[in-house]
Amino acid sequence: MPAPADTAARGPALTVYFDGACPLCSREIAWYRSCRGADTVAWVNVAETPRMPPDLDRETALARFHVRLADGTLVSGAAGFAALWRRLPAFRLLGWIVSFRPVTALAERAYLLFLPLRARMLARLRGPVTGGSRTDGDLSEGSGDTGDDCGCVPPLARGAGETMSRRRPRLPSGRAARGQTPEALS
């Protein structure tokens, strides 16, 4: 086992790139950072980092979860989560399971399905879509910004989430509008 100085000289075991402007992403990362083993991970808040590495632009880093392995390999999505989970003892077994190729492929599909749901979750947590800017928007409680422009959700998915949050069921007219449903009249 290498001496602690040797480990520190080599750098972090992983570098996690996350969107600190996204309230959901921030909570998830805060939870991982509180886990045993998180001290071997470098945590990069892409929303506050002025310079990105040459092989990862800001828009790409904000659109998906990215992790740089100790050997310099950049992975994202389910593979990124698997790499992080393998570093954290509480998630190590799950990380190894998700690292198995067929499971990684299934987990990636689940991740892709979840991304549009994240926009809807943010809309429900924060209220109606008001727009806002990542750099100017305040995502604190009561700011009016829903966080739907959060980079963790691809633009196509954000559009779908905004459309879904604006679709409201039509209010019925007549007796149902006055609370007199057929069931109430029986």
C-alpha atoms as a PDB file:
ATOM      1  CA  MET A   1       0.000   0.000   0.000  1.00  0.00           C
ATOM      2  CA  PRO A   2       1.477   3.398  -0.972  1.00  0.00           C
ATOM      3  CA  ALA A   3       2.341   5.932   1.674  1.00  0.00           C
ATOM      4  CA  PRO A   4      -0.148   8.794   2.086  1.00  0.00           C
ATOM      5  CA  ALA A   5       2.313  11.267   0.534  1.00  0.00           C
ATOM      6  CA  ASP A   6       2.543   9.082  -2.583  1.00  0.00           C
ATOM      7  CA  THR A   7      -1.246   8.993  -2.875  1.00  0.00           C
ATOM      8  CA  ALA A   8      -1.527  12.770  -2.492  1.00  0.00           C
ATOM      9  CA  ALA A   9       1.180  13.348  -5.118  1.00  0.00           C
ATOM     10  CA  ARG A  10      -0.743  11.288  -7.675  1.00  0.00           C
ATOM     11  CA  GLY A  11      -3.913  13.322  -7.243  1.00  0.00           C
ATOM     12  CA  PRO A  12      -7.489  12.254  -6.578  1.00  0.00           C
ATOM     13  CA  ALA A  13      -8.751   8.777  -7.379  1.00  0.00           C
ATOM     14  CA  LEU A  14     -11.667  10.393  -9.257  1.00  0.00           C
ATOM     15  CA  THR A  15     -12.775  13.841 -10.324  1.00  0.00           C
ATOM     16  CA  VAL A  16     -16.532  14.359 -10.346  1.00  0.00           C
ATOM     17  CA  TYR A  17     -17.963  17.192 -12.468  1.00  0.00           C
ATOM     18  CA  PHE A  18     -21.386  18.327 -11.264  1.00  0.00           C
ATOM     19  CA  ASP A  19     -23.822  21.198 -11.755  1.00  0.00           C
ATOM     20  CA  GLY A  20     -23.816  23.149  -8.501  1.00  0.00           C
ATOM     21  CA  ALA A  21     -26.531  25.483  -9.860  1.00  0.00           C
ATOM     22  CA  CYS A  22     -28.990  22.577  -9.933  1.00  0.00           C
ATOM     23  CA  PRO A  23     -30.644  22.078  -6.530  1.00  0.00           C
ATOM     24  CA  LEU A  24     -31.202  18.356  -7.109  1.00  0.00           C
ATOM     25  CA  CYS A  25     -27.646  17.794  -8.311  1.00  0.00           C
ATOM     26  CA  SER A  26     -26.250  19.761  -5.371  1.00  0.00           C
ATOM     27  CA  ARG A  27     -28.218  17.730  -2.839  1.00  0.00           C
ATOM     28  CA  GLU A  28     -27.152  14.459  -4.408  1.00  0.00           C
ATOM     29  CA  ILE A  29     -23.492  15.507  -4.487  1.00  0.00           C
ATOM     30  CA  ALA A  30     -23.660  16.781  -0.896  1.00  0.00           C
ATOM     31  CA  TRP A  31     -24.940  13.362   0.116  1.00  0.00           C
ATOM     32  CA  TYR A  32     -22.111  11.566  -1.722  1.00  0.00           C
ATOM     33  CA  ARG A  33     -19.562  13.996  -0.221  1.00  0.00           C
ATOM     34  CA  SER A  34     -20.727  13.021   3.261  1.00  0.00           C
ATOM     35  CA  CYS A  35     -19.997   9.334   2.580  1.00  0.00           C
ATOM     36  CA  ARG A  36     -16.891   7.525   3.747  1.00  0.00           C
ATOM     37  CA  GLY A  37     -14.350   7.496   0.894  1.00  0.00           C
ATOM     38  CA  ALA A  38     -15.462  10.846  -0.547  1.00  0.00           C
ATOM     39  CA  ASP A  39     -12.197  12.431   0.580  1.00  0.00           C
ATOM     40  CA  THR A  40     -10.428  10.558  -2.257  1.00  0.00           C
ATOM     41  CA  VAL A  41     -12.638  12.309  -4.825  1.00  0.00           C
ATOM     42  CA  ALA A  42     -12.139  15.792  -6.288  1.00  0.00           C
ATOM     43  CA  TRP A  43     -15.496  17.571  -6.624  1.00  0.00           C
ATOM     44  CA  VAL A  44     -15.725  20.189  -9.391  1.00  0.00           C
ATOM     45  CA  ASN A  45     -18.746  22.482  -9.436  1.00  0.00           C
ATOM     46  CA  VAL A  46     -18.968  23.196 -13.167  1.00  0.00           C
ATOM     47  CA  ALA A  47     -21.301  26.169 -12.606  1.00  0.00           C
ATOM     48  CA  GLU A  48     -18.533  27.955 -10.648  1.00  0.00           C
ATOM     49  CA  THR A  49     -15.417  26.702 -12.437  1.00  0.00           C
ATOM     50  CA  PRO A  50     -13.996  29.339 -14.788  1.00  0.00           C
ATOM     51  CA  ARG A  51     -11.828  26.948 -16.818  1.00  0.00           C
ATOM     52  CA  MET A  52     -12.721  23.463 -17.922  1.00  0.00           C
ATOM     53  CA  PRO A  53     -10.323  20.769 -19.128  1.00  0.00           C
ATOM     54  CA  PRO A  54      -9.781  20.791 -22.900  1.00  0.00           C
ATOM     55  CA  ASP A  55     -11.670  17.522 -23.466  1.00  0.00           C
ATOM     56  CA  LEU A  56     -14.813  18.586 -21.561  1.00  0.00           C
ATOM     57  CA  ASP A  57     -16.663  21.800 -22.400  1.00  0.00           C
ATOM     58  CA  ARG A  58     -19.023  23.429 -19.921  1.00  0.00           C
ATOM     59  CA  GLU A  59     -22.242  22.678 -21.844  1.00  0.00           C
ATOM     60  CA  THR A  60     -21.400  18.983 -22.097  1.00  0.00           C
ATOM     61  CA  ALA A  61     -20.414  18.824 -18.427  1.00  0.00           C
ATOM     62  CA  LEU A  62     -23.679  20.469 -17.394  1.00  0.00           C
ATOM     63  CA  ALA A  63     -25.809  18.182 -19.571  1.00  0.00           C
ATOM     64  CA  ARG A  64     -24.628  14.879 -18.031  1.00  0.00           C
ATOM     65  CA  PHE A  65     -22.872  13.542 -14.963  1.00  0.00           C
ATOM     66  CA  HIS A  66     -19.125  13.202 -15.760  1.00  0.00           C
ATOM     67  CA  VAL A  67     -16.289  11.536 -13.879  1.00  0.00           C
ATOM     68  CA  ARG A  68     -12.574  11.503 -14.703  1.00  0.00           C
ATOM     69  CA  LEU A  69     -10.828   8.335 -13.579  1.00  0.00           C
ATOM     70  CA  ALA A  70      -7.339   8.390 -12.061  1.00  0.00           C
ATOM     71  CA  ASP A  71      -5.859   7.284 -15.414  1.00  0.00           C
ATOM     72  CA  GLY A  72      -7.421  10.334 -17.143  1.00  0.00           C
ATOM     73  CA  THR A  73     -10.310   8.498 -18.809  1.00  0.00           C
ATOM     74  CA  LEU A  74     -13.512  10.534 -18.882  1.00  0.00           C
ATOM     75  CA  VAL A  75     -16.771   8.621 -18.365  1.00  0.00           C
ATOM     76  CA  SER A  76     -20.329   9.889 -18.046  1.00  0.00           C
ATOM     77  CA  GLY A  77     -23.862   8.848 -17.205  1.00  0.00           C
ATOM     78  CA  ALA A  78     -24.270   5.387 -15.700  1.00  0.00           C
ATOM     79  CA  ALA A  79     -20.568   4.593 -16.162  1.00  0.00           C
ATOM     80  CA  GLY A  80     -19.727   7.747 -14.204  1.00  0.00           C
ATOM     81  CA  PHE A  81     -22.046   6.797 -11.363  1.00  0.00           C
ATOM     82  CA  ALA A  82     -20.592   3.271 -11.312  1.00  0.00           C
ATOM     83  CA  ALA A  83     -17.069   4.709 -11.040  1.00  0.00           C
ATOM     84  CA  LEU A  84     -18.110   6.989  -8.173  1.00  0.00           C
ATOM     85  CA  TRP A  85     -19.994   4.228  -6.378  1.00  0.00           C
ATOM     86  CA  ARG A  86     -16.952   1.904  -6.569  1.00  0.00           C
ATOM     87  CA  ARG A  87     -14.971   4.551  -4.614  1.00  0.00           C
ATOM     88  CA  LEU A  88     -17.532   4.865  -1.830  1.00  0.00           C
ATOM     89  CA  PRO A  89     -17.610   1.813   0.473  1.00  0.00           C
ATOM     90  CA  ALA A  90     -21.370   2.059   1.088  1.00  0.00           C
ATOM     91  CA  PHE A  91     -22.010   1.806  -2.676  1.00  0.00           C
ATOM     92  CA  ARG A  92     -19.070  -0.354  -3.733  1.00  0.00           C
ATOM     93  CA  LEU A  93     -21.111  -3.507  -4.462  1.00  0.00           C
ATOM     94  CA  LEU A  94     -23.639  -1.507  -6.493  1.00  0.00           C
ATOM     95  CA  GLY A  95     -20.757   0.140  -8.371  1.00  0.00           C
ATOM     96  CA  TRP A  96     -19.278  -3.222  -9.340  1.00  0.00           C
ATOM     97  CA  ILE A  97     -22.674  -4.570 -10.411  1.00  0.00           C
ATOM     98  CA  VAL A  98     -23.402  -1.507 -12.559  1.00  0.00           C
ATOM     99  CA  SER A  99     -19.901  -1.802 -14.056  1.00  0.00           C
ATOM    100  CA  PHE A 100     -20.847  -5.133 -15.645  1.00  0.00           C
ATOM    101  CA  ARG A 101     -21.474  -4.251 -19.336  1.00  0.00           C
ATOM    102  CA  PRO A 102     -25.051  -5.471 -19.748  1.00  0.00           C
ATOM    103  CA  VAL A 103     -26.025  -3.800 -16.469  1.00  0.00           C
ATOM    104  CA  THR A 104     -24.231  -0.584 -17.497  1.00  0.00           C
ATOM    105  CA  ALA A 105     -26.245  -0.511 -20.722  1.00  0.00           C
ATOM    106  CA  LEU A 106     -29.517  -0.934 -18.804  1.00  0.00           C
ATOM    107  CA  ALA A 107     -28.486   1.656 -16.210  1.00  0.00           C
ATOM    108  CA  GLU A 108     -27.599   4.103 -19.004  1.00  0.00           C
ATOM    109  CA  ARG A 109     -31.061   3.676 -20.521  1.00  0.00           C
ATOM    110  CA  ALA A 110     -32.602   4.308 -17.115  1.00  0.00           C
ATOM    111  CA  TYR A 111     -30.406   7.401 -16.702  1.00  0.00           C
ATOM    112  CA  LEU A 112     -31.514   8.720 -20.101  1.00  0.00           C
ATOM    113  CA  LEU A 113     -35.157   8.142 -19.154  1.00  0.00           C
ATOM    114  CA  PHE A 114     -34.633   9.893 -15.824  1.00  0.00           C
ATOM    115  CA  LEU A 115     -33.114  13.093 -17.256  1.00  0.00           C
ATOM    116  CA  PRO A 116     -36.427  14.481 -18.577  1.00  0.00           C
ATOM    117  CA  LEU A 117     -38.130  13.561 -15.299  1.00  0.00           C
ATOM    118  CA  ARG A 118     -35.643  15.718 -13.453  1.00  0.00           C
ATOM    119  CA  ALA A 119     -37.026  18.830 -15.174  1.00  0.00           C
ATOM    120  CA  ARG A 120     -40.525  17.870 -14.081  1.00  0.00           C
ATOM    121  CA  MET A 121     -39.342  17.207 -10.525  1.00  0.00           C
ATOM    122  CA  LEU A 122     -37.719  20.636 -10.402  1.00  0.00           C
ATOM    123  CA  ALA A 123     -40.870  22.260 -11.772  1.00  0.00           C
ATOM    124  CA  ARG A 124     -42.977  20.596  -9.072  1.00  0.00           C
ATOM    125  CA  LEU A 125     -40.534  21.544  -6.342  1.00  0.00           C
ATOM    126  CA  ARG A 126     -40.154  25.140  -7.450  1.00  0.00           C
ATOM    127  CA  GLY A 127     -43.483  26.066  -9.078  1.00  0.00           C
ATOM    128  CA  PRO A 128     -44.225  27.246 -12.621  1.00  0.00           C
ATOM    129  CA  VAL A 129     -41.513  27.709 -15.229  1.00  0.00           C
ATOM    130  CA  THR A 130     -40.303  31.312 -15.275  1.00  0.00           C
ATOM    131  CA  GLY A 131     -37.165  31.006 -17.335  1.00  0.00           C
ATOM    132  CA  GLY A 132     -34.087  32.431 -15.742  1.00  0.00           C
ATOM    133  CA  SER A 133     -30.416  32.266 -16.391  1.00  0.00           C
ATOM    134  CA  ARG A 134     -27.929  29.825 -14.997  1.00  0.00           C
ATOM    135  CA  THR A 135     -25.384  32.539 -14.322  1.00  0.00           C
ATOM    136  CA  ASP A 136     -27.806  35.203 -13.113  1.00  0.00           C
ATOM    137  CA  GLY A 137     -30.544  33.061 -11.586  1.00  0.00           C
ATOM    138  CA  ASP A 138     -30.823  32.626  -7.861  1.00  0.00           C
ATOM    139  CA  LEU A 139     -32.052  29.125  -7.100  1.00  0.00           C
ATOM    140  CA  SER A 140     -32.698  29.831  -3.466  1.00  0.00           C
ATOM    141  CA  GLU A 141     -36.162  29.358  -2.012  1.00  0.00           C
ATOM    142  CA  GLY A 142     -38.655  31.893  -3.282  1.00  0.00           C
ATOM    143  CA  SER A 143     -36.414  33.197  -6.060  1.00  0.00           C
ATOM    144  CA  GLY A 144     -38.998  32.413  -8.744  1.00  0.00           C
ATOM    145  CA  ASP A 145     -36.477  30.443 -10.787  1.00  0.00           C
ATOM    146  CA  THR A 146     -37.493  26.830 -11.082  1.00  0.00           C
ATOM    147  CA  GLY A 147     -34.066  25.528 -11.942  1.00  0.00           C
ATOM    148  CA  ASP A 148     -35.507  24.080 -15.144  1.00  0.00           C
ATOM    149  CA  ASP A 149     -32.587  25.593 -16.996  1.00  0.00           C
ATOM    150  CA  CYS A 150     -30.415  23.286 -14.927  1.00  0.00           C
ATOM    151  CA  GLY A 151     -27.745  21.744 -17.116  1.00  0.00           C
ATOM    152  CA  CYS A 152     -28.354  18.257 -15.799  1.00  0.00           C
ATOM    153  CA  VAL A 153     -31.333  18.059 -18.121  1.00  0.00           C
ATOM    154  CA  PRO A 154     -30.655  18.162 -21.878  1.00  0.00           C
ATOM    155  CA  PRO A 155     -32.376  21.044 -23.728  1.00  0.00           C
ATOM    156  CA  LEU A 156     -34.828  18.699 -25.480  1.00  0.00           C
ATOM    157  CA  ALA A 157     -35.837  17.245 -22.137  1.00  0.00           C
ATOM    158  CA  ARG A 158     -36.115  20.733 -20.618  1.00  0.00           C
ATOM    159  CA  GLY A 159     -38.478  21.674 -23.410  1.00  0.00           C
ATOM    160  CA  ALA A 160     -40.570  18.586 -22.728  1.00  0.00           C
ATOM    161  CA  GLY A 161     -40.615  19.347 -19.014  1.00  0.00           C
ATOM    162  CA  GLU A 162     -41.684  22.939 -19.626  1.00  0.00           C
ATOM    163  CA  THR A 163     -44.435  21.800 -21.958  1.00  0.00           C
ATOM    164  CA  MET A 164     -45.631  19.240 -19.434  1.00  0.00           C
ATOM    165  CA  SER A 165     -45.651  21.783 -16.599  1.00  0.00           C
ATOM    166  CA  ARG A 166     -47.807  24.141 -18.678  1.00  0.00           C
ATOM    167  CA  ARG A 167     -50.363  21.466 -19.586  1.00  0.00           C
ATOM    168  CA  ARG A 168     -53.174  21.707 -17.133  1.00  0.00           C
ATOM    169  CA  PRO A 169     -56.372  19.707 -17.311  1.00  0.00           C
ATOM    170  CA  ARG A 170     -59.245  21.701 -18.708  1.00  0.00           C
ATOM    171  CA  LEU A 171     -61.689  22.794 -16.082  1.00  0.00           C
ATOM    172  CA  PRO A 172     -65.105  21.296 -16.676  1.00  0.00           C
ATOM    173  CA  SER A 173     -68.047  23.553 -17.328  1.00  0.00           C
ATOM    174  CA  GLY A 174     -71.577  23.320 -16.008  1.00  0.00           C
ATOM    175  CA  ARG A 175     -72.415  21.242 -12.924  1.00  0.00           C
ATOM    176  CA  ALA A 176     -68.892  19.808 -12.555  1.00  0.00           C
ATOM    177  CA  ALA A 177     -67.442  23.321 -12.464  1.00  0.00           C
ATOM    178  CA  ARG A 178     -69.764  24.169  -9.565  1.00  0.00           C
ATOM    179  CA  GLY A 179     -68.733  20.994  -7.715  1.00  0.00           C
ATOM    180  CA  GLN A 180     -71.885  19.187  -8.709  1.00  0.00           C
ATOM    181  CA  THR A 181     -70.438  16.029 -10.172  1.00  0.00           C
ATOM    182  CA  PRO A 182     -72.737  13.190 -11.165  1.00  0.00           C
ATOM    183  CA  GLU A 183     -71.533  11.281  -8.093  1.00  0.00           C
ATOM    184  CA  ALA A 184     -72.450  14.203  -5.826  1.00  0.00           C
ATOM    185  CA  LEU A 185     -75.930  14.420  -7.324  1.00  0.00           C
ATOM    186  CA  SER A 186     -76.756  10.726  -6.736  1.00  0.00           C
END
